[in-house]
């Protein structure tokens, strides 16, 4: 096991109770996402989660069974670096006698992302640019493309060039995460523009994110989690 993997598993083992967890049930027809919280970690044995009560959990009740394939993503919002851990696993047991608990097999592999303030994370997520409209943004995009990288402070967008876009101009970046989730959008400021190279017709736009910390964190979590689970590790 690599030193990085050792650090990730050590981090997982010391996560505190009530840490936010998103559970994804993998089925041939659809991928169901449920919100829950961490009850505890039994190192090398299992990850214990709370069974939910809301309508999403009720609708998925028949799928929450031993052996069901799942993806677990844990968001430690209490950590200053906003660490996100993700892994594939299976449901090991559903316990109701000692508490409403769901036990997931302890992972063999972990994916980890740290949202440090200045660290840019390579990414590929469908996105578009929009003109401002009062306090929001116009529905029709002025450019379609994708996010190339992202950080707490800004990122890089590649897409169709817009003649009207200039440096220091404000516009909105809208990101398409999953089809069953709403589109995420934040106001940005264009900081640099690179024209297409000989083998490409797409422009590159560097930007900073213009929003408060809470909204930025929520936006980044949605974008990066979406990217992590486009092709989960086996």
Protein backbone atom coordinates (compact mmCIF):
# COMPACT_ATOMS: atom_id res chain seq x y z
CA UNK A 1 0.00 0.00 0.00
CA UNK A 2 1.36 3.45 -0.94
CA UNK A 3 2.04 6.18 1.66
CA UNK A 4 -0.85 8.21 0.22
CA UNK A 5 -3.22 5.26 0.61
CA UNK A 6 -2.02 4.76 4.19
CA UNK A 7 -2.82 8.39 4.95
CA UNK A 8 -6.28 8.13 3.36
CA UNK A 9 -7.22 5.01 5.36
CA UNK A 10 -5.89 6.56 8.58
CA UNK A 11 -8.03 9.63 7.85
CA UNK A 12 -11.09 7.42 7.24
CA UNK A 13 -10.56 5.52 10.49
CA UNK A 14 -10.57 8.65 12.63
CA UNK A 15 -13.61 10.38 11.11
CA UNK A 16 -16.07 11.49 13.76
CA UNK A 17 -19.71 10.45 14.16
CA UNK A 18 -22.35 12.47 12.28
CA UNK A 19 -20.00 13.25 9.37
CA UNK A 20 -22.10 13.77 6.23
CA UNK A 21 -22.33 10.75 3.91
CA UNK A 22 -23.90 10.33 0.49
CA UNK A 23 -24.78 6.73 -0.37
CA UNK A 24 -25.24 5.74 -4.01
CA UNK A 25 -27.04 2.45 -4.80
CA UNK A 26 -25.80 0.97 -8.08
CA UNK A 27 -28.51 -0.82 -10.06
CA UNK A 28 -28.74 -1.80 -13.76
CA UNK A 29 -31.59 0.65 -14.29
CA UNK A 30 -30.67 3.70 -12.23
CA UNK A 31 -28.28 5.08 -9.63
CA UNK A 32 -30.11 6.10 -6.46
CA UNK A 33 -28.53 8.64 -4.10
CA UNK A 34 -29.37 8.84 -0.41
CA UNK A 35 -28.17 11.24 2.27
CA UNK A 36 -27.12 9.86 5.64
CA UNK A 37 -24.49 10.24 8.37
CA UNK A 38 -21.61 8.27 9.76
CA UNK A 39 -22.21 6.22 12.92
CA UNK A 40 -18.69 4.85 13.18
CA UNK A 41 -15.77 2.99 11.58
CA UNK A 42 -14.73 -0.57 12.42
CA UNK A 43 -11.25 -0.55 10.79
CA UNK A 44 -10.69 -3.29 8.19
CA UNK A 45 -14.21 -4.60 8.84
CA UNK A 46 -17.01 -2.14 8.16
CA UNK A 47 -18.31 1.40 7.81
CA UNK A 48 -21.47 1.95 9.85
CA UNK A 49 -24.08 4.39 8.53
CA UNK A 50 -27.47 5.54 9.79
CA UNK A 51 -30.58 4.25 8.04
CA UNK A 52 -32.67 7.20 6.86
CA UNK A 53 -36.39 7.87 7.25
CA UNK A 54 -37.22 10.25 4.38
CA UNK A 55 -39.17 9.43 1.22
CA UNK A 56 -36.00 8.71 -0.80
CA UNK A 57 -35.01 6.03 1.70
CA UNK A 58 -38.54 4.62 1.74
CA UNK A 59 -38.58 4.43 -2.07
CA UNK A 60 -35.23 2.55 -2.05
CA UNK A 61 -36.18 0.20 0.81
CA UNK A 62 -36.31 -2.97 -1.33
CA UNK A 63 -32.80 -2.30 -2.67
CA UNK A 64 -31.16 -1.84 0.72
CA UNK A 65 -30.17 -5.47 1.16
CA UNK A 66 -27.04 -7.50 1.85
CA UNK A 67 -24.75 -7.67 -1.18
CA UNK A 68 -26.12 -4.53 -2.87
CA UNK A 69 -23.33 -2.65 -4.67
CA UNK A 70 -22.89 0.92 -3.45
CA UNK A 71 -20.66 3.95 -3.74
CA UNK A 72 -19.98 5.82 -0.50
CA UNK A 73 -18.81 9.43 -0.48
CA UNK A 74 -17.93 11.07 2.82
CA UNK A 75 -17.73 14.85 3.13
CA UNK A 76 -15.89 16.12 6.19
CA UNK A 77 -17.15 19.71 6.30
CA UNK A 78 -15.49 20.21 9.70
CA UNK A 79 -12.04 19.81 8.16
CA UNK A 80 -10.45 23.16 7.12
CA UNK A 81 -9.33 21.52 3.87
CA UNK A 82 -12.81 20.10 3.15
CA UNK A 83 -11.68 16.53 2.51
CA UNK A 84 -13.84 14.21 0.43
CA UNK A 85 -13.37 10.42 0.55
CA UNK A 86 -15.06 8.04 -1.88
CA UNK A 87 -15.10 4.28 -2.42
CA UNK A 88 -17.02 1.39 -3.96
CA UNK A 89 -18.29 -1.35 -1.70
CA UNK A 90 -21.24 -3.61 -0.84
CA UNK A 91 -23.86 -3.60 1.90
CA UNK A 92 -22.70 -6.07 4.54
CA UNK A 93 -25.68 -5.97 6.91
CA UNK A 94 -28.83 -4.05 7.81
CA UNK A 95 -29.22 -3.86 11.61
CA UNK A 96 -32.39 -2.87 13.41
CA UNK A 97 -32.10 -4.60 16.80
CA UNK A 98 -29.42 -2.35 18.33
CA UNK A 99 -30.23 0.68 16.18
CA UNK A 100 -31.20 1.65 12.64
CA UNK A 101 -27.79 0.99 11.13
CA UNK A 102 -26.44 0.04 7.73
CA UNK A 103 -23.05 -1.69 7.65
CA UNK A 104 -20.97 -1.36 4.48
CA UNK A 105 -17.90 -3.50 3.85
CA UNK A 106 -14.63 -1.74 4.66
CA UNK A 107 -13.08 -0.50 1.38
CA UNK A 108 -10.04 -1.96 -0.38
CA UNK A 109 -9.40 1.28 -2.27
CA UNK A 110 -10.13 4.94 -1.56
CA UNK A 111 -10.39 8.03 -3.70
CA UNK A 112 -9.57 11.29 -1.95
CA UNK A 113 -9.89 14.96 -2.87
CA UNK A 114 -8.77 17.88 -0.72
CA UNK A 115 -10.31 21.25 -1.56
CA UNK A 116 -7.38 23.39 -0.49
CA UNK A 117 -7.73 27.08 -1.17
CA UNK A 118 -5.25 27.34 -4.04
CA UNK A 119 -4.94 23.73 -5.25
CA UNK A 120 -6.43 23.21 -8.70
CA UNK A 121 -8.03 19.83 -9.28
CA UNK A 122 -8.00 18.42 -12.85
CA UNK A 123 -11.58 17.71 -13.85
CA UNK A 124 -13.84 17.11 -16.85
CA UNK A 125 -17.44 18.17 -16.28
CA UNK A 126 -19.92 19.56 -18.81
CA UNK A 127 -20.42 23.32 -18.32
CA UNK A 128 -21.62 26.53 -19.96
CA UNK A 129 -21.24 30.30 -19.64
CA UNK A 130 -24.23 32.63 -19.26
CA UNK A 131 -24.86 36.38 -19.26
CA UNK A 132 -26.04 37.94 -15.98
CA UNK A 133 -29.75 38.69 -15.76
CA UNK A 134 -30.77 40.86 -12.78
CA UNK A 135 -29.80 38.79 -9.71
CA UNK A 136 -29.44 35.55 -11.66
CA UNK A 137 -28.43 34.55 -15.19
CA UNK A 138 -29.93 34.11 -18.65
CA UNK A 139 -31.18 30.61 -19.39
CA UNK A 140 -29.60 30.44 -22.84
CA UNK A 141 -25.82 29.87 -22.75
CA UNK A 142 -23.40 32.11 -24.59
CA UNK A 143 -20.85 29.27 -24.67
CA UNK A 144 -20.95 25.50 -24.13
CA UNK A 145 -17.96 23.43 -23.11
CA UNK A 146 -16.43 21.87 -20.00
CA UNK A 147 -14.51 22.60 -16.82
CA UNK A 148 -10.82 21.73 -17.14
CA UNK A 149 -9.84 22.36 -13.53
CA UNK A 150 -11.31 23.87 -10.37
CA UNK A 151 -10.24 25.27 -7.01
CA UNK A 152 -11.82 27.25 -4.19
CA UNK A 153 -10.68 30.47 -5.84
CA UNK A 154 -11.33 29.75 -9.50
CA UNK A 155 -10.62 27.43 -12.39
CA UNK A 156 -10.37 26.89 -16.12
CA UNK A 157 -13.16 26.55 -18.67
CA UNK A 158 -12.77 25.37 -22.28
CA UNK A 159 -15.53 25.94 -24.82
CA UNK A 160 -16.96 27.94 -27.70
CA UNK A 161 -15.44 31.41 -27.97
CA UNK A 162 -17.56 34.48 -27.17
CA UNK A 163 -16.56 37.74 -28.87
CA UNK A 164 -18.33 39.84 -26.24
CA UNK A 165 -16.38 38.35 -23.32
CA UNK A 166 -13.53 40.54 -22.08
CA UNK A 167 -11.13 40.47 -19.14
CA UNK A 168 -12.65 41.35 -15.74
CA UNK A 169 -16.15 40.76 -17.13
CA UNK A 170 -18.71 39.10 -14.84
CA UNK A 171 -20.75 36.16 -16.09
CA UNK A 172 -22.20 32.91 -14.73
CA UNK A 173 -20.68 29.45 -14.90
CA UNK A 174 -23.29 26.70 -14.95
CA UNK A 175 -22.24 23.09 -14.41
CA UNK A 176 -24.25 20.01 -15.33
CA UNK A 177 -23.62 17.39 -12.65
CA UNK A 178 -26.03 14.44 -12.89
CA UNK A 179 -29.24 14.48 -14.93
CA UNK A 180 -31.37 13.88 -11.83
CA UNK A 181 -29.77 16.81 -9.98
CA UNK A 182 -30.37 20.52 -10.62
CA UNK A 183 -27.76 22.48 -12.53
CA UNK A 184 -25.25 24.30 -10.33
CA UNK A 185 -24.21 27.89 -11.11
CA UNK A 186 -21.96 30.54 -9.61
CA UNK A 187 -20.98 34.06 -10.69
CA UNK A 188 -17.42 34.30 -12.00
CA UNK A 189 -14.98 36.95 -13.24
CA UNK A 190 -13.01 36.28 -16.44
CA UNK A 191 -9.28 36.70 -15.72
CA UNK A 192 -7.58 35.41 -18.86
CA UNK A 193 -8.53 34.31 -22.35
CA UNK A 194 -6.48 32.00 -24.59
CA UNK A 195 -7.39 31.75 -28.26
CA UNK A 196 -7.59 28.34 -29.99
CA UNK A 197 -4.44 26.51 -31.02
CA UNK A 198 -3.92 25.17 -34.52
CA UNK A 199 -5.53 21.82 -33.70
CA UNK A 200 -8.47 23.16 -31.69
CA UNK A 201 -11.40 25.52 -32.21
CA UNK A 202 -12.06 26.01 -28.50
CA UNK A 203 -11.15 28.97 -26.31
CA UNK A 204 -9.72 28.66 -22.80
CA UNK A 205 -11.05 30.98 -20.10
CA UNK A 206 -9.46 31.36 -16.69
CA UNK A 207 -11.77 32.70 -13.99
CA UNK A 208 -12.17 33.48 -10.32
CA UNK A 209 -15.32 32.54 -8.40
CA UNK A 210 -17.36 35.45 -7.07
CA UNK A 211 -19.48 34.21 -4.20
CA UNK A 212 -19.49 33.65 -0.44
CA UNK A 213 -17.66 30.73 1.16
CA UNK A 214 -20.72 28.59 1.94
CA UNK A 215 -22.04 28.71 -1.62
CA UNK A 216 -18.57 28.08 -3.07
CA UNK A 217 -18.08 25.00 -0.87
CA UNK A 218 -21.48 23.60 -1.84
CA UNK A 219 -20.80 24.26 -5.53
CA UNK A 220 -17.36 22.62 -5.41
CA UNK A 221 -18.65 19.58 -3.58
CA UNK A 222 -21.35 18.97 -6.19
CA UNK A 223 -18.97 19.45 -9.11
CA UNK A 224 -16.13 17.32 -7.77
CA UNK A 225 -18.36 14.54 -6.46
CA UNK A 226 -20.02 14.37 -9.87
CA UNK A 227 -16.59 14.09 -11.49
CA UNK A 228 -15.44 11.40 -9.04
CA UNK A 229 -18.37 9.17 -9.88
CA UNK A 230 -18.39 9.42 -13.64
CA UNK A 231 -16.00 6.46 -13.64
CA UNK A 232 -15.71 5.04 -10.10
CA UNK A 233 -12.71 2.85 -9.37
CA UNK A 234 -13.46 -0.87 -9.18
